[in-house]
Amino acid sequence: MNKRRVLFVYDDMLGFVDEKGFHYEKHLFEALRCVRRAGELEIVRVGNETLPSLFYETLAGEDIYFDSEVKEISLDNVDTDNSYQVSKSKDCALKNFDSYSSLLEFFLPEETIKHRCYSVERNTRETQIYLSLDLDGSGKGELKTGVGFFDHMLEQVIKHSRCDINGIIKGDLEVDEHHTVEDLGITLGQAFRYALGDKRGINRYGHDILMMDDVLATVAVDFSGRPYLIWKVNFKRQEVGGFPTEMFEHFFKSFSDAAQCNLSIEVTDGNTHHQAEAAFKAFARAIRMAVKRVPGSKELPSTKGVL
């Protein structure tokens, strides 16, 4: 009878809970997704903590699940030479990884797991912007333009793309918000373009359909190296939260041009606030899918040989 090959994941390596919610260990999703897709190891959770249902829902959204859950590790019928554990404990029965980055280094070549980061600085007579982007972050960062509703939308991009994005943004708001919004779209697009490098090993394509109360947003993105925007959103109001709704399309056009990506955004009619927020959330989630690495792959997602 063949023995089982198992990756035991201890509760102390899942994350922690505070008043803001559950915080996942760095690289948890990427590492466990890599192990899951390889299909060679069972993934077994070890611990007796009660985890929130949202934890399991989030894992499922990343194509990750536990084959079983146990309170204590048992090595009965386990191939100990080819099984592993992820734990902060120093008392280890198997080869242990005390971080998900070390687990990735073991299963994937080093160049595959390096963070894809890029920083952009743009200085004009109208705006001064410094922006840093980490595609392999965890949805942390801050972008403050001084335009309240637009900042709220940028917060959605950071959160739902799971990219780390930080910026220092100063624009001529005494004129209006146009230059600030446009130049941030350009800067953010440039950061994505260059952080993706030659685009080997990524999905390239991303899409999302997102419901927000009375509206439905459908977004698709292709980091093809060619800019194109399809915009099908009809706002009934000219402003939302004091922000001109015409500037949403201009922001996404600026991003598409600078990132050199095809971008399609369609939102059904309804509440203007909901339309805008649904578009930004779906945009972020589509981006998240498109930039995601295919574990172990260095292939260019194109038959042309270049993107």
C-alpha atoms as a PDB file:
ATOM      1  CA  MET A   1       0.000   0.000   0.000  1.00  0.00           C
ATOM      2  CA  ASN A   2       1.442   3.395  -1.015  1.00  0.00           C
ATOM      3  CA  LYS A   3       2.076   5.825   1.815  1.00  0.00           C
ATOM      4  CA  ARG A   4       0.574   9.310   1.759  1.00  0.00           C
ATOM      5  CA  ARG A   5       2.592  12.386   0.868  1.00  0.00           C
ATOM      6  CA  VAL A   6       1.331  15.253   2.975  1.00  0.00           C
ATOM      7  CA  LEU A   7       1.903  18.928   3.660  1.00  0.00           C
ATOM      8  CA  PHE A   8       0.802  19.611   7.243  1.00  0.00           C
ATOM      9  CA  VAL A   9      -0.159  23.250   7.772  1.00  0.00           C
ATOM     10  CA  TYR A  10      -0.298  24.363  11.406  1.00  0.00           C
ATOM     11  CA  ASP A  11      -2.711  27.018  12.628  1.00  0.00           C
ATOM     12  CA  ASP A  12       0.167  29.260  13.719  1.00  0.00           C
ATOM     13  CA  MET A  13       1.052  29.660  10.022  1.00  0.00           C
ATOM     14  CA  LEU A  14      -2.398  30.677   8.785  1.00  0.00           C
ATOM     15  CA  GLY A  15      -2.569  34.200  10.150  1.00  0.00           C
ATOM     16  CA  PHE A  16      -4.184  36.099  12.998  1.00  0.00           C
ATOM     17  CA  VAL A  17      -7.412  37.883  13.854  1.00  0.00           C
ATOM     18  CA  ASP A  18      -7.792  41.410  15.210  1.00  0.00           C
ATOM     19  CA  GLU A  19     -10.507  44.052  15.215  1.00  0.00           C
ATOM     20  CA  LYS A  20      -9.979  44.634  11.486  1.00  0.00           C
ATOM     21  CA  GLY A  21     -10.519  40.982  10.561  1.00  0.00           C
ATOM     22  CA  PHE A  22      -8.371  38.009   9.576  1.00  0.00           C
ATOM     23  CA  HIS A  23      -4.826  38.721   8.382  1.00  0.00           C
ATOM     24  CA  TYR A  24      -3.230  35.993   6.284  1.00  0.00           C
ATOM     25  CA  GLU A  25       0.429  34.981   6.455  1.00  0.00           C
ATOM     26  CA  LYS A  26       2.487  36.456   3.648  1.00  0.00           C
ATOM     27  CA  HIS A  27       2.667  34.264   0.517  1.00  0.00           C
ATOM     28  CA  LEU A  28       0.112  31.808   1.983  1.00  0.00           C
ATOM     29  CA  PHE A  29      -2.121  31.887  -1.094  1.00  0.00           C
ATOM     30  CA  GLU A  30       0.667  31.622  -3.635  1.00  0.00           C
ATOM     31  CA  ALA A  31       2.423  28.783  -1.800  1.00  0.00           C
ATOM     32  CA  LEU A  32      -0.633  26.641  -1.083  1.00  0.00           C
ATOM     33  CA  ARG A  33      -1.987  27.235  -4.581  1.00  0.00           C
ATOM     34  CA  CYS A  34       1.323  26.003  -5.984  1.00  0.00           C
ATOM     35  CA  VAL A  35       1.180  22.838  -3.855  1.00  0.00           C
ATOM     36  CA  ARG A  36      -2.483  22.269  -4.676  1.00  0.00           C
ATOM     37  CA  ARG A  37      -2.017  22.601  -8.428  1.00  0.00           C
ATOM     38  CA  ALA A  38       1.034  20.342  -8.416  1.00  0.00           C
ATOM     39  CA  GLY A  39      -1.304  17.649  -7.069  1.00  0.00           C
ATOM     40  CA  GLU A  40       1.422  15.594  -5.413  1.00  0.00           C
ATOM     41  CA  LEU A  41       0.684  16.346  -1.752  1.00  0.00           C
ATOM     42  CA  GLU A  42      -2.376  16.255   0.450  1.00  0.00           C
ATOM     43  CA  ILE A  43      -2.822  19.502   2.366  1.00  0.00           C
ATOM     44  CA  VAL A  44      -3.844  18.865   5.972  1.00  0.00           C
ATOM     45  CA  ARG A  45      -4.605  21.563   8.516  1.00  0.00           C
ATOM     46  CA  VAL A  46      -3.309  20.903  12.039  1.00  0.00           C
ATOM     47  CA  GLY A  47      -4.884  22.736  14.985  1.00  0.00           C
ATOM     48  CA  ASN A  48      -8.005  23.260  17.025  1.00  0.00           C
ATOM     49  CA  GLU A  49      -8.705  26.946  16.451  1.00  0.00           C
ATOM     50  CA  THR A  50     -12.166  27.919  15.215  1.00  0.00           C
ATOM     51  CA  LEU A  51     -11.647  29.768  11.952  1.00  0.00           C
ATOM     52  CA  PRO A  52     -14.202  32.166  10.427  1.00  0.00           C
ATOM     53  CA  SER A  53     -16.209  30.924   7.453  1.00  0.00           C
ATOM     54  CA  LEU A  54     -14.780  33.802   5.429  1.00  0.00           C
ATOM     55  CA  PHE A  55     -11.353  32.178   5.780  1.00  0.00           C
ATOM     56  CA  TYR A  56     -12.518  29.065   3.935  1.00  0.00           C
ATOM     57  CA  GLU A  57     -14.411  31.109   1.353  1.00  0.00           C
ATOM     58  CA  THR A  58     -11.290  33.143   0.624  1.00  0.00           C
ATOM     59  CA  LEU A  59      -9.186  29.984   0.238  1.00  0.00           C
ATOM     60  CA  ALA A  60     -11.768  28.522  -2.129  1.00  0.00           C
ATOM     61  CA  GLY A  61     -11.572  31.678  -4.212  1.00  0.00           C
ATOM     62  CA  GLU A  62      -7.844  31.018  -4.574  1.00  0.00           C
ATOM     63  CA  ASP A  63      -8.393  27.367  -5.637  1.00  0.00           C
ATOM     64  CA  ILE A  64      -7.153  26.139  -2.254  1.00  0.00           C
ATOM     65  CA  TYR A  65      -8.767  23.692   0.153  1.00  0.00           C
ATOM     66  CA  PHE A  66      -7.722  21.291   2.916  1.00  0.00           C
ATOM     67  CA  ASP A  67      -7.995  17.575   2.224  1.00  0.00           C
ATOM     68  CA  SER A  68      -8.603  17.070   5.935  1.00  0.00           C
ATOM     69  CA  GLU A  69      -8.252  18.789   9.311  1.00  0.00           C
ATOM     70  CA  VAL A  70      -6.772  17.202  12.442  1.00  0.00           C
ATOM     71  CA  LYS A  71      -6.037  18.416  15.963  1.00  0.00           C
ATOM     72  CA  GLU A  72      -2.691  16.646  16.167  1.00  0.00           C
ATOM     73  CA  ILE A  73      -0.282  15.359  13.565  1.00  0.00           C
ATOM     74  CA  SER A  74      -0.162  11.611  12.931  1.00  0.00           C
ATOM     75  CA  LEU A  75       2.482   9.998  10.754  1.00  0.00           C
ATOM     76  CA  ASP A  76       0.633   6.710  10.328  1.00  0.00           C
ATOM     77  CA  ASN A  77       0.832   5.687   6.671  1.00  0.00           C
ATOM     78  CA  VAL A  78       2.734   8.909   5.858  1.00  0.00           C
ATOM     79  CA  ASP A  79       5.808   8.943   3.638  1.00  0.00           C
ATOM     80  CA  THR A  80       8.029  10.885   6.053  1.00  0.00           C
ATOM     81  CA  ASP A  81      10.824  11.300   3.494  1.00  0.00           C
ATOM     82  CA  ASN A  82       8.523  13.133   1.096  1.00  0.00           C
ATOM     83  CA  SER A  83       6.131  14.917   3.455  1.00  0.00           C
ATOM     84  CA  TYR A  84       6.518  18.353   4.989  1.00  0.00           C
ATOM     85  CA  GLN A  85       5.088  20.728   7.527  1.00  0.00           C
ATOM     86  CA  VAL A  86       4.610  24.489   7.786  1.00  0.00           C
ATOM     87  CA  SER A  87       4.954  25.604  11.383  1.00  0.00           C
ATOM     88  CA  LYS A  88       6.659  28.135  13.636  1.00  0.00           C
ATOM     89  CA  SER A  89       7.496  25.338  16.056  1.00  0.00           C
ATOM     90  CA  LYS A  90      11.101  24.217  16.431  1.00  0.00           C
ATOM     91  CA  ASP A  91       9.975  20.713  17.419  1.00  0.00           C
ATOM     92  CA  CYS A  92       9.350  19.234  13.996  1.00  0.00           C
ATOM     93  CA  ALA A  93       8.697  15.651  13.007  1.00  0.00           C
ATOM     94  CA  LEU A  94       9.162  16.397   9.296  1.00  0.00           C
ATOM     95  CA  LYS A  95      11.104  18.841   7.157  1.00  0.00           C
ATOM     96  CA  ASN A  96       9.713  22.140   8.315  1.00  0.00           C
ATOM     97  CA  PHE A  97       9.172  25.481   6.629  1.00  0.00           C
ATOM     98  CA  ASP A  98       8.772  28.482   8.927  1.00  0.00           C
ATOM     99  CA  SER A  99       7.610  30.773   6.115  1.00  0.00           C
ATOM    100  CA  TYR A 100       5.658  30.376   2.902  1.00  0.00           C
ATOM    101  CA  SER A 101       8.448  32.043   0.949  1.00  0.00           C
ATOM    102  CA  SER A 102      10.811  29.233   2.024  1.00  0.00           C
ATOM    103  CA  LEU A 103       8.178  26.687   0.980  1.00  0.00           C
ATOM    104  CA  LEU A 104       7.965  28.346  -2.437  1.00  0.00           C
ATOM    105  CA  GLU A 105      11.750  28.394  -2.762  1.00  0.00           C
ATOM    106  CA  PHE A 106      11.740  24.644  -2.191  1.00  0.00           C
ATOM    107  CA  PHE A 107       9.064  23.898  -4.787  1.00  0.00           C
ATOM    108  CA  LEU A 108       9.795  26.608  -7.358  1.00  0.00           C
ATOM    109  CA  PRO A 109      12.957  28.102  -8.828  1.00  0.00           C
ATOM    110  CA  GLU A 110      14.055  31.356  -7.167  1.00  0.00           C
ATOM    111  CA  GLU A 111      13.409  33.570 -10.185  1.00  0.00           C
ATOM    112  CA  THR A 112       9.775  32.450 -10.246  1.00  0.00           C
ATOM    113  CA  ILE A 113       8.973  33.760  -6.759  1.00  0.00           C
ATOM    114  CA  LYS A 114      10.710  37.117  -6.734  1.00  0.00           C
ATOM    115  CA  HIS A 115       8.359  39.965  -6.009  1.00  0.00           C
ATOM    116  CA  ARG A 116       7.397  41.941  -9.074  1.00  0.00           C
ATOM    117  CA  CYS A 117       7.797  45.539  -8.035  1.00  0.00           C
ATOM    118  CA  TYR A 118       8.159  48.858  -9.760  1.00  0.00           C
ATOM    119  CA  SER A 119       8.288  52.491  -8.725  1.00  0.00           C
ATOM    120  CA  VAL A 120       7.317  55.433 -10.926  1.00  0.00           C
ATOM    121  CA  GLU A 121       7.891  59.139 -10.495  1.00  0.00           C
ATOM    122  CA  ARG A 122       6.058  61.713 -12.596  1.00  0.00           C
ATOM    123  CA  ASN A 123       6.688  65.426 -12.224  1.00  0.00           C
ATOM    124  CA  THR A 124       4.939  68.042 -14.333  1.00  0.00           C
ATOM    125  CA  ARG A 125       3.847  71.621 -13.799  1.00  0.00           C
ATOM    126  CA  GLU A 126       0.461  70.214 -12.844  1.00  0.00           C
ATOM    127  CA  THR A 127       1.244  67.160 -10.688  1.00  0.00           C
ATOM    128  CA  GLN A 128       4.015  65.537  -8.676  1.00  0.00           C
ATOM    129  CA  ILE A 129       3.479  61.815  -8.176  1.00  0.00           C
ATOM    130  CA  TYR A 130       5.616  59.058  -6.705  1.00  0.00           C
ATOM    131  CA  LEU A 131       4.057  55.586  -6.789  1.00  0.00           C
ATOM    132  CA  SER A 132       5.307  52.145  -5.752  1.00  0.00           C
ATOM    133  CA  LEU A 133       3.639  48.878  -6.781  1.00  0.00           C
ATOM    134  CA  ASP A 134       4.159  45.302  -5.575  1.00  0.00           C
ATOM    135  CA  LEU A 135       2.114  42.853  -7.647  1.00  0.00           C
ATOM    136  CA  ASP A 136       2.741  40.093  -5.101  1.00  0.00           C
ATOM    137  CA  GLY A 137       1.556  41.968  -2.051  1.00  0.00           C
ATOM    138  CA  SER A 138      -1.479  41.437   0.152  1.00  0.00           C
ATOM    139  CA  GLY A 139      -3.680  44.437  -0.617  1.00  0.00           C
ATOM    140  CA  LYS A 140      -1.946  46.990   1.576  1.00  0.00           C
ATOM    141  CA  GLY A 141      -1.095  50.601   0.843  1.00  0.00           C
ATOM    142  CA  GLU A 142      -2.522  54.073   0.517  1.00  0.00           C
ATOM    143  CA  LEU A 143      -3.250  56.484  -2.312  1.00  0.00           C
ATOM    144  CA  LYS A 144      -4.486  59.911  -1.205  1.00  0.00           C
ATOM    145  CA  THR A 145      -5.150  62.477  -3.919  1.00  0.00           C
ATOM    146  CA  GLY A 146      -7.161  64.942  -1.859  1.00  0.00           C
ATOM    147  CA  VAL A 147     -10.275  64.053  -3.876  1.00  0.00           C
ATOM    148  CA  GLY A 148     -12.472  62.200  -1.390  1.00  0.00           C
ATOM    149  CA  PHE A 149     -14.666  59.968  -3.525  1.00  0.00           C
ATOM    150  CA  PHE A 150     -11.832  59.126  -5.916  1.00  0.00           C
ATOM    151  CA  ASP A 151      -9.645  58.129  -2.945  1.00  0.00           C
ATOM    152  CA  HIS A 152     -12.435  55.787  -1.847  1.00  0.00           C
ATOM    153  CA  MET A 153     -12.339  54.144  -5.295  1.00  0.00           C
ATOM    154  CA  LEU A 154      -8.543  53.801  -5.173  1.00  0.00           C
ATOM    155  CA  GLU A 155      -8.904  52.081  -1.811  1.00  0.00           C
ATOM    156  CA  GLN A 156     -11.032  49.442  -3.561  1.00  0.00           C
ATOM    157  CA  VAL A 157      -8.331  48.905  -6.185  1.00  0.00           C
ATOM    158  CA  ILE A 158      -5.694  48.233  -3.527  1.00  0.00           C
ATOM    159  CA  LYS A 159      -7.915  45.966  -1.444  1.00  0.00           C
ATOM    160  CA  HIS A 160      -9.399  43.826  -4.191  1.00  0.00           C
ATOM    161  CA  SER A 161      -6.365  43.544  -6.464  1.00  0.00           C
ATOM    162  CA  ARG A 162      -4.301  42.332  -3.475  1.00  0.00           C
ATOM    163  CA  CYS A 163      -1.455  44.455  -4.822  1.00  0.00           C
ATOM    164  CA  ASP A 164       0.501  46.676  -2.446  1.00  0.00           C
ATOM    165  CA  ILE A 165       0.275  50.230  -3.796  1.00  0.00           C
ATOM    166  CA  ASN A 166       1.587  53.346  -2.109  1.00  0.00           C
ATOM    167  CA  GLY A 167       1.883  56.858  -3.437  1.00  0.00           C
ATOM    168  CA  ILE A 168       2.652  60.468  -2.694  1.00  0.00           C
ATOM    169  CA  ILE A 169       0.358  62.549  -4.870  1.00  0.00           C
ATOM    170  CA  LYS A 170       0.224  66.316  -5.213  1.00  0.00           C
ATOM    171  CA  GLY A 171      -1.894  67.931  -7.912  1.00  0.00           C
ATOM    172  CA  ASP A 172      -3.226  71.350  -8.832  1.00  0.00           C
ATOM    173  CA  LEU A 173      -6.577  70.839  -7.132  1.00  0.00           C
ATOM    174  CA  GLU A 174      -6.986  74.597  -6.993  1.00  0.00           C
ATOM    175  CA  VAL A 175      -7.679  74.278 -10.759  1.00  0.00           C
ATOM    176  CA  ASP A 176      -9.743  71.084 -10.588  1.00  0.00           C
ATOM    177  CA  GLU A 177      -9.233  67.330 -10.208  1.00  0.00           C
ATOM    178  CA  HIS A 178      -8.638  66.585 -13.913  1.00  0.00           C
ATOM    179  CA  HIS A 179      -4.822  66.628 -13.982  1.00  0.00           C
ATOM    180  CA  THR A 180      -4.515  64.645 -10.737  1.00  0.00           C
ATOM    181  CA  VAL A 181      -6.869  61.884 -11.872  1.00  0.00           C
ATOM    182  CA  GLU A 182      -5.387  61.655 -15.369  1.00  0.00           C
ATOM    183  CA  ASP A 183      -1.754  61.600 -14.221  1.00  0.00           C
ATOM    184  CA  LEU A 184      -2.414  59.032 -11.520  1.00  0.00           C
ATOM    185  CA  GLY A 185      -4.013  56.792 -14.172  1.00  0.00           C
ATOM    186  CA  ILE A 186      -0.895  57.191 -16.304  1.00  0.00           C
ATOM    187  CA  THR A 187       1.476  56.539 -13.403  1.00  0.00           C
ATOM    188  CA  LEU A 188      -0.430  53.496 -12.149  1.00  0.00           C
ATOM    189  CA  GLY A 189      -0.597  52.066 -15.672  1.00  0.00           C
ATOM    190  CA  GLN A 190       3.149  52.520 -16.138  1.00  0.00           C
ATOM    191  CA  ALA A 191       3.830  50.763 -12.845  1.00  0.00           C
ATOM    192  CA  PHE A 192       1.779  47.725 -13.921  1.00  0.00           C
ATOM    193  CA  ARG A 193       3.369  47.666 -17.366  1.00  0.00           C
ATOM    194  CA  TYR A 194       6.925  47.582 -16.061  1.00  0.00           C
ATOM    195  CA  ALA A 195       6.292  45.444 -12.963  1.00  0.00           C
ATOM    196  CA  LEU A 196       4.976  42.682 -15.268  1.00  0.00           C
ATOM    197  CA  GLY A 197       8.254  42.669 -17.202  1.00  0.00           C
ATOM    198  CA  ASP A 198       8.167  40.298 -20.185  1.00  0.00           C
ATOM    199  CA  LYS A 199       4.910  38.764 -18.799  1.00  0.00           C
ATOM    200  CA  ARG A 200       6.238  35.213 -18.763  1.00  0.00           C
ATOM    201  CA  GLY A 201       4.374  32.870 -16.459  1.00  0.00           C
ATOM    202  CA  ILE A 202       1.282  35.041 -15.889  1.00  0.00           C
ATOM    203  CA  ASN A 203      -2.351  34.491 -16.801  1.00  0.00           C
ATOM    204  CA  ARG A 204      -2.308  37.674 -18.933  1.00  0.00           C
ATOM    205  CA  TYR A 205      -6.131  37.680 -19.136  1.00  0.00           C
ATOM    206  CA  GLY A 206      -8.443  38.544 -16.280  1.00  0.00           C
ATOM    207  CA  HIS A 207     -12.170  39.095 -15.868  1.00  0.00           C
ATOM    208  CA  ASP A 208     -14.758  39.595 -13.166  1.00  0.00           C
ATOM    209  CA  ILE A 209     -18.518  39.924 -12.845  1.00  0.00           C
ATOM    210  CA  LEU A 210     -19.510  41.742  -9.684  1.00  0.00           C
ATOM    211  CA  MET A 211     -22.906  42.543  -8.234  1.00  0.00           C
ATOM    212  CA  MET A 212     -23.424  45.538  -5.981  1.00  0.00           C
ATOM    213  CA  ASP A 213     -27.023  45.839  -4.911  1.00  0.00           C
ATOM    214  CA  ASP A 214     -28.888  47.167  -7.956  1.00  0.00           C
ATOM    215  CA  VAL A 215     -26.021  47.112 -10.503  1.00  0.00           C
ATOM    216  CA  LEU A 216     -23.892  44.520 -12.246  1.00  0.00           C
ATOM    217  CA  ALA A 217     -20.322  45.277 -13.363  1.00  0.00           C
ATOM    218  CA  THR A 218     -18.525  43.192 -15.976  1.00  0.00           C
ATOM    219  CA  VAL A 219     -14.813  43.837 -16.484  1.00  0.00           C
ATOM    220  CA  ALA A 220     -12.190  42.120 -18.640  1.00  0.00           C
ATOM    221  CA  VAL A 221      -8.514  42.963 -19.065  1.00  0.00           C
ATOM    222  CA  ASP A 222      -5.770  41.688 -21.370  1.00  0.00           C
ATOM    223  CA  PHE A 223      -2.155  42.775 -20.832  1.00  0.00           C
ATOM    224  CA  SER A 224      -1.575  42.405 -24.554  1.00  0.00           C
ATOM    225  CA  GLY A 225       0.855  45.259 -25.111  1.00  0.00           C
ATOM    226  CA  ARG A 226      -1.884  47.148 -26.983  1.00  0.00           C
ATOM    227  CA  PRO A 227      -4.046  49.852 -25.383  1.00  0.00           C
ATOM    228  CA  TYR A 228      -7.802  49.844 -25.964  1.00  0.00           C
ATOM    229  CA  LEU A 229     -10.724  50.829 -23.760  1.00  0.00           C
ATOM    230  CA  ILE A 230     -14.343  49.767 -24.109  1.00  0.00           C
ATOM    231  CA  TRP A 231     -16.504  51.825 -21.747  1.00  0.00           C
ATOM    232  CA  LYS A 232     -20.218  51.123 -21.389  1.00  0.00           C
ATOM    233  CA  VAL A 233     -21.359  52.960 -18.295  1.00  0.00           C
ATOM    234  CA  ASN A 234     -24.193  55.477 -18.272  1.00  0.00           C
ATOM    235  CA  PHE A 235     -24.307  57.635 -15.161  1.00  0.00           C
ATOM    236  CA  LYS A 236     -27.547  59.474 -14.424  1.00  0.00           C
ATOM    237  CA  ARG A 237     -25.738  62.024 -12.289  1.00  0.00           C
ATOM    238  CA  GLN A 238     -22.926  64.324 -13.368  1.00  0.00           C
ATOM    239  CA  GLU A 239     -21.258  64.103  -9.965  1.00  0.00           C
ATOM    240  CA  VAL A 240     -20.972  61.609  -7.123  1.00  0.00           C
ATOM    241  CA  GLY A 241     -19.516  62.738  -3.826  1.00  0.00           C
ATOM    242  CA  GLY A 242     -18.507  65.964  -5.569  1.00  0.00           C
ATOM    243  CA  PHE A 243     -16.489  64.003  -8.161  1.00  0.00           C
ATOM    244  CA  PRO A 244     -17.330  64.434 -11.886  1.00  0.00           C
ATOM    245  CA  THR A 245     -18.491  61.082 -13.243  1.00  0.00           C
ATOM    246  CA  GLU A 246     -16.943  61.851 -16.650  1.00  0.00           C
ATOM    247  CA  MET A 247     -13.521  61.474 -15.028  1.00  0.00           C
ATOM    248  CA  PHE A 248     -13.993  57.761 -14.347  1.00  0.00           C
ATOM    249  CA  GLU A 249     -13.728  56.920 -18.041  1.00  0.00           C
ATOM    250  CA  HIS A 250     -10.757  59.264 -18.379  1.00  0.00           C
ATOM    251  CA  PHE A 251      -8.936  57.533 -15.505  1.00  0.00           C
ATOM    252  CA  PHE A 252      -9.393  54.086 -17.026  1.00  0.00           C
ATOM    253  CA  LYS A 253      -8.414  55.362 -20.492  1.00  0.00           C
ATOM    254  CA  SER A 254      -5.217  56.812 -19.028  1.00  0.00           C
ATOM    255  CA  PHE A 255      -4.495  53.519 -17.256  1.00  0.00           C
ATOM    256  CA  SER A 256      -5.140  51.441 -20.393  1.00  0.00           C
ATOM    257  CA  ASP A 257      -2.895  53.631 -22.524  1.00  0.00           C
ATOM    258  CA  ALA A 258      -0.009  53.590 -20.048  1.00  0.00           C
ATOM    259  CA  ALA A 259      -0.314  49.919 -19.073  1.00  0.00           C
ATOM    260  CA  GLN A 260      -0.728  48.964 -22.742  1.00  0.00           C
ATOM    261  CA  CYS A 261      -3.666  46.714 -21.982  1.00  0.00           C
ATOM    262  CA  ASN A 262      -7.095  46.071 -23.466  1.00  0.00           C
ATOM    263  CA  LEU A 263      -9.729  46.992 -20.891  1.00  0.00           C
ATOM    264  CA  SER A 264     -13.505  46.529 -21.107  1.00  0.00           C
ATOM    265  CA  ILE A 265     -15.814  47.938 -18.424  1.00  0.00           C
ATOM    266  CA  GLU A 266     -19.589  47.602 -18.566  1.00  0.00           C
ATOM    267  CA  VAL A 267     -21.996  48.465 -15.753  1.00  0.00           C
ATOM    268  CA  THR A 268     -25.783  48.298 -15.772  1.00  0.00           C
ATOM    269  CA  ASP A 269     -27.887  51.358 -14.947  1.00  0.00           C
ATOM    270  CA  GLY A 270     -28.648  52.120 -11.331  1.00  0.00           C
ATOM    271  CA  ASN A 271     -27.395  54.041  -8.338  1.00  0.00           C
ATOM    272  CA  THR A 272     -24.403  56.169  -9.409  1.00  0.00           C
ATOM    273  CA  HIS A 273     -22.338  55.417  -6.317  1.00  0.00           C
ATOM    274  CA  HIS A 274     -22.926  51.701  -6.779  1.00  0.00           C
ATOM    275  CA  GLN A 275     -22.037  51.890 -10.475  1.00  0.00           C
ATOM    276  CA  ALA A 276     -18.693  53.523  -9.800  1.00  0.00           C
ATOM    277  CA  GLU A 277     -17.746  51.308  -6.867  1.00  0.00           C
ATOM    278  CA  ALA A 278     -18.758  48.106  -8.662  1.00  0.00           C
ATOM    279  CA  ALA A 279     -16.640  49.120 -11.678  1.00  0.00           C
ATOM    280  CA  PHE A 280     -13.543  49.751  -9.562  1.00  0.00           C
ATOM    281  CA  LYS A 281     -13.954  46.564  -7.521  1.00  0.00           C
ATOM    282  CA  ALA A 282     -14.459  44.404 -10.616  1.00  0.00           C
ATOM    283  CA  PHE A 283     -11.514  46.140 -12.293  1.00  0.00           C
ATOM    284  CA  ALA A 284      -9.296  45.291  -9.326  1.00  0.00           C
ATOM    285  CA  ARG A 285     -10.408  41.661  -9.252  1.00  0.00           C
ATOM    286  CA  ALA A 286      -9.827  41.291 -13.003  1.00  0.00           C
ATOM    287  CA  ILE A 287      -6.344  42.751 -12.559  1.00  0.00           C
ATOM    288  CA  ARG A 288      -5.709  40.278  -9.758  1.00  0.00           C
ATOM    289  CA  MET A 289      -6.552  37.368 -12.053  1.00  0.00           C
ATOM    290  CA  ALA A 290      -4.527  38.684 -14.984  1.00  0.00           C
ATOM    291  CA  VAL A 291      -1.268  39.273 -13.097  1.00  0.00           C
ATOM    292  CA  LYS A 292      -1.476  36.005 -11.169  1.00  0.00           C
ATOM    293  CA  ARG A 293       1.402  33.645 -11.824  1.00  0.00           C
ATOM    294  CA  VAL A 294       0.853  30.164 -13.232  1.00  0.00           C
ATOM    295  CA  PRO A 295       2.851  28.046 -10.743  1.00  0.00           C
ATOM    296  CA  GLY A 296       6.065  26.700 -12.239  1.00  0.00           C
ATOM    297  CA  SER A 297       5.472  28.274 -15.652  1.00  0.00           C
ATOM    298  CA  LYS A 298       7.891  30.530 -17.497  1.00  0.00           C
ATOM    299  CA  GLU A 299       5.915  30.425 -20.715  1.00  0.00           C
ATOM    300  CA  LEU A 300       4.922  33.575 -22.569  1.00  0.00           C
ATOM    301  CA  PRO A 301       1.106  33.648 -22.843  1.00  0.00           C
ATOM    302  CA  SER A 302       1.198  34.362 -26.575  1.00  0.00           C
ATOM    303  CA  THR A 303       1.936  32.487 -29.796  1.00  0.00           C
ATOM    304  CA  LYS A 304       3.670  35.574 -31.217  1.00  0.00           C
ATOM    305  CA  GLY A 305       6.726  35.169 -29.026  1.00  0.00           C
ATOM    306  CA  VAL A 306       6.470  38.668 -27.582  1.00  0.00           C
ATOM    307  CA  LEU A 307       3.953  40.837 -25.713  1.00  0.00           C
END
